[in-house]
Amino acid sequence: MNRPSFISAFAGEIDVFLDYRKATGICIDQDILYLKKLDVFLEANKIPLVGFDAEVSASWRSRRGGESDHGHYMRINFTKRFFEFLFVKGHKVTLLRDVRPPKSNFVPHIYTDDEIDRYFQAVDAYDFPGNPKNKIQLPVLFRLLYSCGLRVTETLMIRIKDVDLEKGIIRLRVTKGSKERYAVLSGSMHALLKEYADKTFYLLGEDDFIFSNRKGSALRCDWLEEVHSRLLCMAGIPSASAAGSTKRLHDWRHTHAVGAFKQMVERGHDMYVALPILSAYLGHVSIMATERYLRLVVNLYPYLQKKFDATLEDVFGKEVHYED
């Protein structure tokens, strides 16, 4: 998305904020969309840079006529970050109170074993355009998303200094909710990353991204989603699920989590033990954010339900909403 010209008294700071977000590898398309709405509101009300007080904050936070629950949540969620940014810089602004996220019935796509095989065959066969490094780095990146269940943004922020090649551990510094954590690689993923490091790491400094474009900057999320769509087409996997939702790169994280739970259940692990372990590994705020994957396991693999059905109902109840 092309960045528009901002016209309010906050225009300069909005551009600085967007530059900062973009420099960290974050796709800023939605930031631009909602900050432009904020910019129009601030200009229409002639709010000076020092004038975002409690009254103006309450006005901006109030729900607009015809605005959906989701639209309201997104507008406030994306603009409250900007005011937190201003506050840290020393500006006297009133921070926005959170808006409760709307409940969602969204169910992520969990890739089947056959889809996984076809997808990575397409990854290995695809002649990635542009940067010659893509032919080497993208097969590693996509496998890292699946094998470790990482979020796309936190994967793109991995630097050389975050990778312990000897132990097969990656330190994740830039994460959702700023919850720094570690990803432990499987044997095959560890071997693949070491092979990739032998080919590329000697060209990089400690602070360089392990996945980058020609200029050394982090790859963009929106560009990776475009590549992902092409790979789905090559693999003969429909880009939309039966429910109509788009199959996203983020669904590899969901697939990893469901697969991890399935493996634990099949091996007879105690779910009281498994839940906090997987929750910490995935970087979830609470165990309840991880529990939804148990429901997905039961829905996808009904034969496992007998192993823990009664316990699940006693502990968690029946209603779960799928979102990450």
Protein backbone atom coordinates (compact mmCIF):
# COMPACT_ATOMS: atom_id res chain seq x y z
CA MET A 1 0.00 0.00 0.00
CA ASN A 2 1.34 3.42 -0.97
CA ARG A 3 1.65 5.80 1.95
CA PRO A 4 -0.69 8.80 1.68
CA SER A 5 0.17 12.35 2.74
CA PHE A 6 -0.90 13.09 6.29
CA ILE A 7 -2.29 16.56 6.94
CA SER A 8 -2.95 16.95 10.66
CA ALA A 9 -0.62 18.44 13.28
CA PHE A 10 0.45 14.86 13.99
CA ALA A 11 1.57 14.20 10.38
CA GLY A 12 5.31 14.32 11.06
CA GLU A 13 5.09 11.96 14.03
CA ILE A 14 2.85 9.55 12.09
CA ASP A 15 5.51 9.28 9.38
CA VAL A 16 8.24 8.71 11.98
CA PHE A 17 6.12 6.00 13.63
CA LEU A 18 5.47 4.26 10.30
CA ASP A 19 9.16 4.40 9.40
CA TYR A 20 9.98 2.79 12.74
CA ARG A 21 7.42 0.01 12.26
CA LYS A 22 8.58 -0.67 8.70
CA ALA A 23 12.25 -0.78 9.77
CA THR A 24 11.44 -3.62 12.17
CA GLY A 25 10.06 -5.69 9.30
CA ILE A 26 6.37 -5.20 10.10
CA CYS A 27 3.86 -4.87 7.27
CA ILE A 28 2.41 -1.39 7.81
CA ASP A 29 -0.55 -1.53 5.41
CA GLN A 30 -3.13 -1.70 8.20
CA ASP A 31 -1.25 0.90 10.24
CA ILE A 32 -1.53 3.25 7.27
CA LEU A 33 -5.23 2.52 6.83
CA TYR A 34 -6.21 3.33 10.42
CA LEU A 35 -3.71 6.13 10.98
CA LYS A 36 -5.13 7.91 7.93
CA LYS A 37 -8.58 7.71 9.56
CA LEU A 38 -7.04 9.15 12.72
CA ASP A 39 -5.30 11.86 10.72
CA VAL A 40 -8.60 12.94 9.14
CA PHE A 41 -10.27 13.02 12.58
CA LEU A 42 -7.46 15.10 14.10
CA GLU A 43 -7.44 17.56 11.21
CA ALA A 44 -11.24 17.90 11.14
CA ASN A 45 -11.20 18.79 14.84
CA LYS A 46 -8.03 20.94 14.57
CA ILE A 47 -6.31 19.04 17.37
CA PRO A 48 -2.79 20.38 18.07
CA LEU A 49 0.10 18.02 18.83
CA VAL A 50 -0.25 18.83 22.52
CA GLY A 51 -4.02 18.57 22.49
CA PHE A 52 -4.82 14.85 22.54
CA ASP A 53 -6.35 15.01 26.01
CA ALA A 54 -8.88 12.78 27.79
CA GLU A 55 -11.86 14.39 26.05
CA VAL A 56 -10.40 13.97 22.55
CA SER A 57 -9.28 10.44 23.42
CA ALA A 58 -12.81 9.51 24.51
CA SER A 59 -14.22 10.98 21.30
CA TRP A 60 -11.85 9.00 19.09
CA ARG A 61 -12.41 5.81 21.10
CA SER A 62 -16.20 5.99 20.89
CA ARG A 63 -17.83 3.68 18.38
CA ARG A 64 -18.90 5.26 15.10
CA GLY A 65 -22.35 4.85 13.59
CA GLY A 66 -22.44 1.73 11.45
CA GLU A 67 -19.04 0.56 12.70
CA SER A 68 -18.83 -3.18 13.36
CA ASP A 69 -17.37 -4.69 16.52
CA HIS A 70 -14.38 -5.82 14.50
CA GLY A 71 -13.94 -2.44 12.80
CA HIS A 72 -14.08 -0.64 16.15
CA TYR A 73 -11.55 -3.01 17.68
CA MET A 74 -9.15 -2.70 14.75
CA ARG A 75 -9.36 1.11 14.61
CA ILE A 76 -8.51 1.50 18.29
CA ASN A 77 -5.99 -1.35 18.40
CA PHE A 78 -3.92 0.01 15.52
CA THR A 79 -4.00 3.66 16.63
CA LYS A 80 -3.34 3.08 20.34
CA ARG A 81 0.17 1.92 19.41
CA PHE A 82 0.83 5.32 17.88
CA PHE A 83 -0.12 7.14 21.07
CA GLU A 84 2.01 4.76 23.14
CA PHE A 85 4.86 5.67 20.79
CA LEU A 86 4.21 9.40 21.35
CA PHE A 87 3.99 8.89 25.11
CA VAL A 88 7.38 7.14 25.22
CA LYS A 89 8.85 10.03 23.22
CA GLY A 90 7.67 12.45 25.90
CA HIS A 91 4.52 13.90 24.34
CA LYS A 92 1.66 14.65 26.70
CA VAL A 93 -1.09 12.46 25.24
CA THR A 94 -3.90 10.50 26.82
CA LEU A 95 -3.45 6.82 26.10
CA LEU A 96 -6.41 4.92 24.68
CA ARG A 97 -8.14 2.32 26.80
CA ASP A 98 -8.37 -1.13 25.26
CA VAL A 99 -11.46 -2.23 23.36
CA ARG A 100 -12.53 -5.79 24.04
CA PRO A 101 -11.74 -7.92 20.97
CA PRO A 102 -14.84 -9.35 19.28
CA LYS A 103 -15.47 -13.06 19.58
CA SER A 104 -14.58 -14.99 16.49
CA ASN A 105 -15.73 -18.29 15.04
CA PHE A 106 -12.73 -18.37 12.71
CA VAL A 107 -11.19 -21.83 12.34
CA PRO A 108 -7.65 -21.90 10.92
CA HIS A 109 -6.67 -24.24 8.13
CA ILE A 110 -4.70 -27.25 9.35
CA TYR A 111 -2.64 -28.67 6.51
CA THR A 112 -2.95 -32.39 5.89
CA ASP A 113 0.12 -34.62 5.53
CA ASP A 114 -0.48 -34.76 1.79
CA GLU A 115 -0.76 -30.95 1.53
CA ILE A 116 2.43 -30.55 3.55
CA ASP A 117 4.33 -32.86 1.19
CA ARG A 118 3.00 -31.14 -1.94
CA TYR A 119 3.63 -27.64 -0.55
CA PHE A 120 7.28 -28.23 0.26
CA GLN A 121 7.83 -30.01 -3.05
CA ALA A 122 6.58 -26.77 -4.64
CA VAL A 123 8.87 -24.72 -2.39
CA ASP A 124 11.91 -26.72 -3.48
CA ALA A 125 10.95 -26.62 -7.17
CA TYR A 126 10.01 -22.94 -7.38
CA ASP A 127 12.46 -20.59 -9.08
CA PHE A 128 12.01 -17.58 -6.80
CA PRO A 129 12.35 -14.32 -8.79
CA GLY A 130 14.45 -11.32 -7.84
CA ASN A 131 17.10 -11.90 -5.19
CA PRO A 132 19.21 -15.02 -6.05
CA LYS A 133 19.42 -15.71 -2.30
CA ASN A 134 15.70 -16.52 -2.27
CA LYS A 135 16.32 -19.95 -3.80
CA ILE A 136 18.42 -20.78 -0.74
CA GLN A 137 16.72 -18.87 2.06
CA LEU A 138 12.99 -19.28 1.41
CA PRO A 139 12.90 -23.11 1.63
CA VAL A 140 14.59 -22.73 5.03
CA LEU A 141 12.27 -19.93 6.14
CA PHE A 142 9.05 -21.76 5.22
CA ARG A 143 10.22 -24.94 6.92
CA LEU A 144 11.12 -22.95 10.04
CA LEU A 145 7.58 -21.55 10.21
CA TYR A 146 6.10 -25.03 10.07
CA SER A 147 8.59 -27.05 12.11
CA CYS A 148 8.81 -24.55 15.00
CA GLY A 149 5.35 -22.97 14.87
CA LEU A 150 6.78 -19.45 14.70
CA ARG A 151 4.89 -16.31 13.81
CA VAL A 152 5.94 -14.79 10.48
CA THR A 153 7.02 -11.41 11.90
CA GLU A 154 9.15 -12.86 14.69
CA THR A 155 10.85 -15.18 12.18
CA LEU A 156 11.77 -12.27 9.92
CA MET A 157 13.36 -10.48 12.90
CA ILE A 158 15.87 -13.26 13.64
CA ARG A 159 19.44 -11.98 13.50
CA ILE A 160 22.75 -13.86 13.34
CA LYS A 161 23.39 -13.20 17.04
CA ASP A 162 20.09 -14.92 17.92
CA VAL A 163 21.09 -18.28 16.43
CA ASP A 164 23.00 -20.88 18.46
CA LEU A 165 24.06 -23.28 15.72
CA GLU A 166 25.85 -25.61 18.11
CA LYS A 167 22.81 -26.26 20.31
CA GLY A 168 20.12 -25.76 17.65
CA ILE A 169 18.34 -22.98 19.53
CA ILE A 170 17.00 -19.65 18.22
CA ARG A 171 16.36 -16.69 20.50
CA LEU A 172 13.21 -14.80 19.52
CA ARG A 173 13.54 -11.18 20.62
CA VAL A 174 10.88 -9.35 18.60
CA THR A 175 7.64 -11.16 19.49
CA LYS A 176 3.95 -10.53 20.03
CA GLY A 177 3.45 -8.99 23.46
CA SER A 178 7.26 -8.58 23.77
CA LYS A 179 7.51 -12.06 25.34
CA GLU A 180 11.06 -13.07 24.47
CA ARG A 181 11.45 -16.83 24.18
CA TYR A 182 13.49 -19.60 22.54
CA ALA A 183 12.73 -22.01 19.69
CA VAL A 184 14.39 -25.44 19.85
CA LEU A 185 15.02 -26.98 16.45
CA SER A 186 14.30 -30.58 15.52
CA GLY A 187 17.23 -32.67 14.32
CA SER A 188 16.37 -32.24 10.64
CA MET A 189 15.67 -28.51 10.98
CA HIS A 190 18.92 -28.04 12.92
CA ALA A 191 20.86 -29.78 10.14
CA LEU A 192 19.13 -27.71 7.45
CA LEU A 193 19.83 -24.43 9.25
CA LYS A 194 23.51 -25.37 9.71
CA GLU A 195 23.73 -26.10 5.99
CA TYR A 196 22.10 -22.74 5.23
CA ALA A 197 24.48 -21.00 7.67
CA ASP A 198 27.51 -22.53 5.96
CA LYS A 199 26.38 -20.95 2.69
CA THR A 200 25.35 -17.49 3.93
CA PHE A 201 26.30 -16.56 7.50
CA TYR A 202 29.96 -15.84 6.68
CA LEU A 203 28.77 -12.84 4.65
CA LEU A 204 26.83 -11.33 7.56
CA GLY A 205 27.50 -9.44 10.77
CA GLU A 206 26.08 -10.27 14.20
CA ASP A 207 23.23 -7.76 13.84
CA ASP A 208 22.23 -8.77 10.30
CA PHE A 209 18.96 -10.59 9.59
CA ILE A 210 19.37 -14.23 8.60
CA PHE A 211 16.61 -13.79 5.99
CA SER A 212 16.90 -10.58 3.97
CA ASN A 213 16.41 -8.81 0.66
CA ARG A 214 19.13 -7.49 -1.63
CA LYS A 215 19.66 -4.44 0.61
CA GLY A 216 20.04 -6.51 3.76
CA SER A 217 16.67 -5.42 5.16
CA ALA A 218 14.17 -7.86 6.62
CA LEU A 219 11.78 -9.47 4.14
CA ARG A 220 8.23 -8.06 4.06
CA CYS A 221 5.28 -10.06 5.37
CA ASP A 222 2.98 -9.02 2.54
CA TRP A 223 5.53 -10.13 -0.08
CA LEU A 224 5.88 -13.51 1.62
CA GLU A 225 2.10 -13.94 1.60
CA GLU A 226 2.13 -13.34 -2.16
CA VAL A 227 4.82 -16.00 -2.60
CA HIS A 228 2.81 -18.33 -0.35
CA SER A 229 -0.24 -17.91 -2.59
CA ARG A 230 1.80 -18.85 -5.66
CA LEU A 231 3.18 -21.91 -3.88
CA LEU A 232 -0.33 -23.06 -2.93
CA CYS A 233 -1.30 -22.81 -6.60
CA MET A 234 1.77 -24.79 -7.67
CA ALA A 235 0.99 -27.45 -5.07
CA GLY A 236 -2.62 -27.75 -6.23
CA ILE A 237 -3.94 -26.57 -2.86
CA PRO A 238 -6.98 -24.24 -3.05
CA SER A 239 -6.14 -20.83 -1.58
CA ALA A 240 -9.42 -20.76 0.37
CA SER A 241 -10.71 -23.31 2.87
CA ALA A 242 -14.14 -24.91 2.75
CA ALA A 243 -15.36 -22.20 5.12
CA GLY A 244 -14.17 -19.53 2.69
CA SER A 245 -11.24 -18.20 4.72
CA THR A 246 -7.87 -17.69 3.04
CA LYS A 247 -5.07 -20.13 3.79
CA ARG A 248 -2.38 -17.89 5.28
CA LEU A 249 1.27 -18.39 6.17
CA HIS A 250 0.15 -18.10 9.80
CA ASP A 251 -1.73 -21.39 9.38
CA TRP A 252 1.62 -23.19 9.48
CA ARG A 253 1.82 -22.12 13.12
CA HIS A 254 -1.63 -23.56 13.78
CA THR A 255 -0.68 -26.75 11.96
CA HIS A 256 2.45 -27.11 14.08
CA ALA A 257 0.52 -26.63 17.33
CA VAL A 258 -2.19 -29.14 16.41
CA GLY A 259 0.45 -31.64 15.32
CA ALA A 260 2.33 -31.19 18.61
CA PHE A 261 -0.82 -31.80 20.65
CA LYS A 262 -1.77 -34.81 18.52
CA GLN A 263 1.64 -36.32 19.12
CA MET A 264 1.43 -35.68 22.86
CA VAL A 265 -2.02 -37.22 23.14
CA GLU A 266 -1.04 -40.29 21.09
CA ARG A 267 1.97 -40.80 23.36
CA GLY A 268 -0.23 -40.60 26.45
CA HIS A 269 1.17 -37.37 27.88
CA ASP A 270 -0.74 -35.71 30.71
CA MET A 271 -2.53 -32.68 29.23
CA TYR A 272 -2.12 -30.79 32.51
CA VAL A 273 1.61 -30.99 31.84
CA ALA A 274 1.45 -30.53 28.05
CA LEU A 275 -0.67 -27.35 28.09
CA PRO A 276 1.72 -25.03 29.96
CA ILE A 277 4.71 -26.41 28.08
CA LEU A 278 3.22 -25.77 24.65
CA SER A 279 1.75 -22.44 25.81
CA ALA A 280 5.18 -21.20 26.88
CA TYR A 281 6.79 -22.50 23.69
CA LEU A 282 4.25 -20.73 21.46
CA GLY A 283 4.51 -17.49 23.44
CA HIS A 284 0.83 -17.34 24.37
CA VAL A 285 -0.34 -14.90 27.02
CA SER A 286 -2.39 -17.55 28.79
CA ILE A 287 -2.95 -21.30 28.76
CA MET A 288 -6.50 -20.69 27.54
CA ALA A 289 -5.03 -19.24 24.33
CA THR A 290 -3.39 -22.64 23.76
CA GLU A 291 -6.35 -24.78 24.81
CA ARG A 292 -8.18 -24.07 21.55
CA TYR A 293 -5.75 -26.40 19.81
CA LEU A 294 -7.02 -29.28 21.91
CA ARG A 295 -10.46 -28.68 20.42
CA LEU A 296 -9.00 -28.64 16.93
CA VAL A 297 -7.25 -31.94 17.60
CA VAL A 298 -10.53 -33.51 18.72
CA ASN A 299 -12.40 -32.14 15.68
CA LEU A 300 -9.76 -33.32 13.22
CA TYR A 301 -8.93 -36.64 14.91
CA PRO A 302 -12.09 -37.90 16.67
CA TYR A 303 -10.44 -41.19 17.64
CA LEU A 304 -8.32 -39.25 20.16
CA GLN A 305 -11.30 -37.86 22.01
CA LYS A 306 -11.74 -40.88 24.27
CA LYS A 307 -8.27 -40.28 25.70
CA PHE A 308 -9.17 -37.02 27.39
CA ASP A 309 -12.79 -36.06 26.62
CA ALA A 310 -14.11 -36.12 30.19
CA THR A 311 -11.15 -34.18 31.55
CA LEU A 312 -11.46 -31.48 28.89
CA GLU A 313 -15.13 -30.89 29.61
CA ASP A 314 -14.51 -30.67 33.35
CA VAL A 315 -11.63 -28.22 33.02
CA PHE A 316 -12.45 -26.05 30.02
CA GLY A 317 -16.17 -26.28 29.29
CA LYS A 318 -17.58 -26.56 25.79
CA GLU A 319 -17.19 -23.18 24.06
CA VAL A 320 -13.89 -22.17 22.49
CA HIS A 321 -13.20 -19.34 20.03
CA TYR A 322 -10.39 -19.78 17.54
CA GLU A 323 -8.08 -16.80 17.20
CA ASP A 324 -4.35 -16.09 17.72
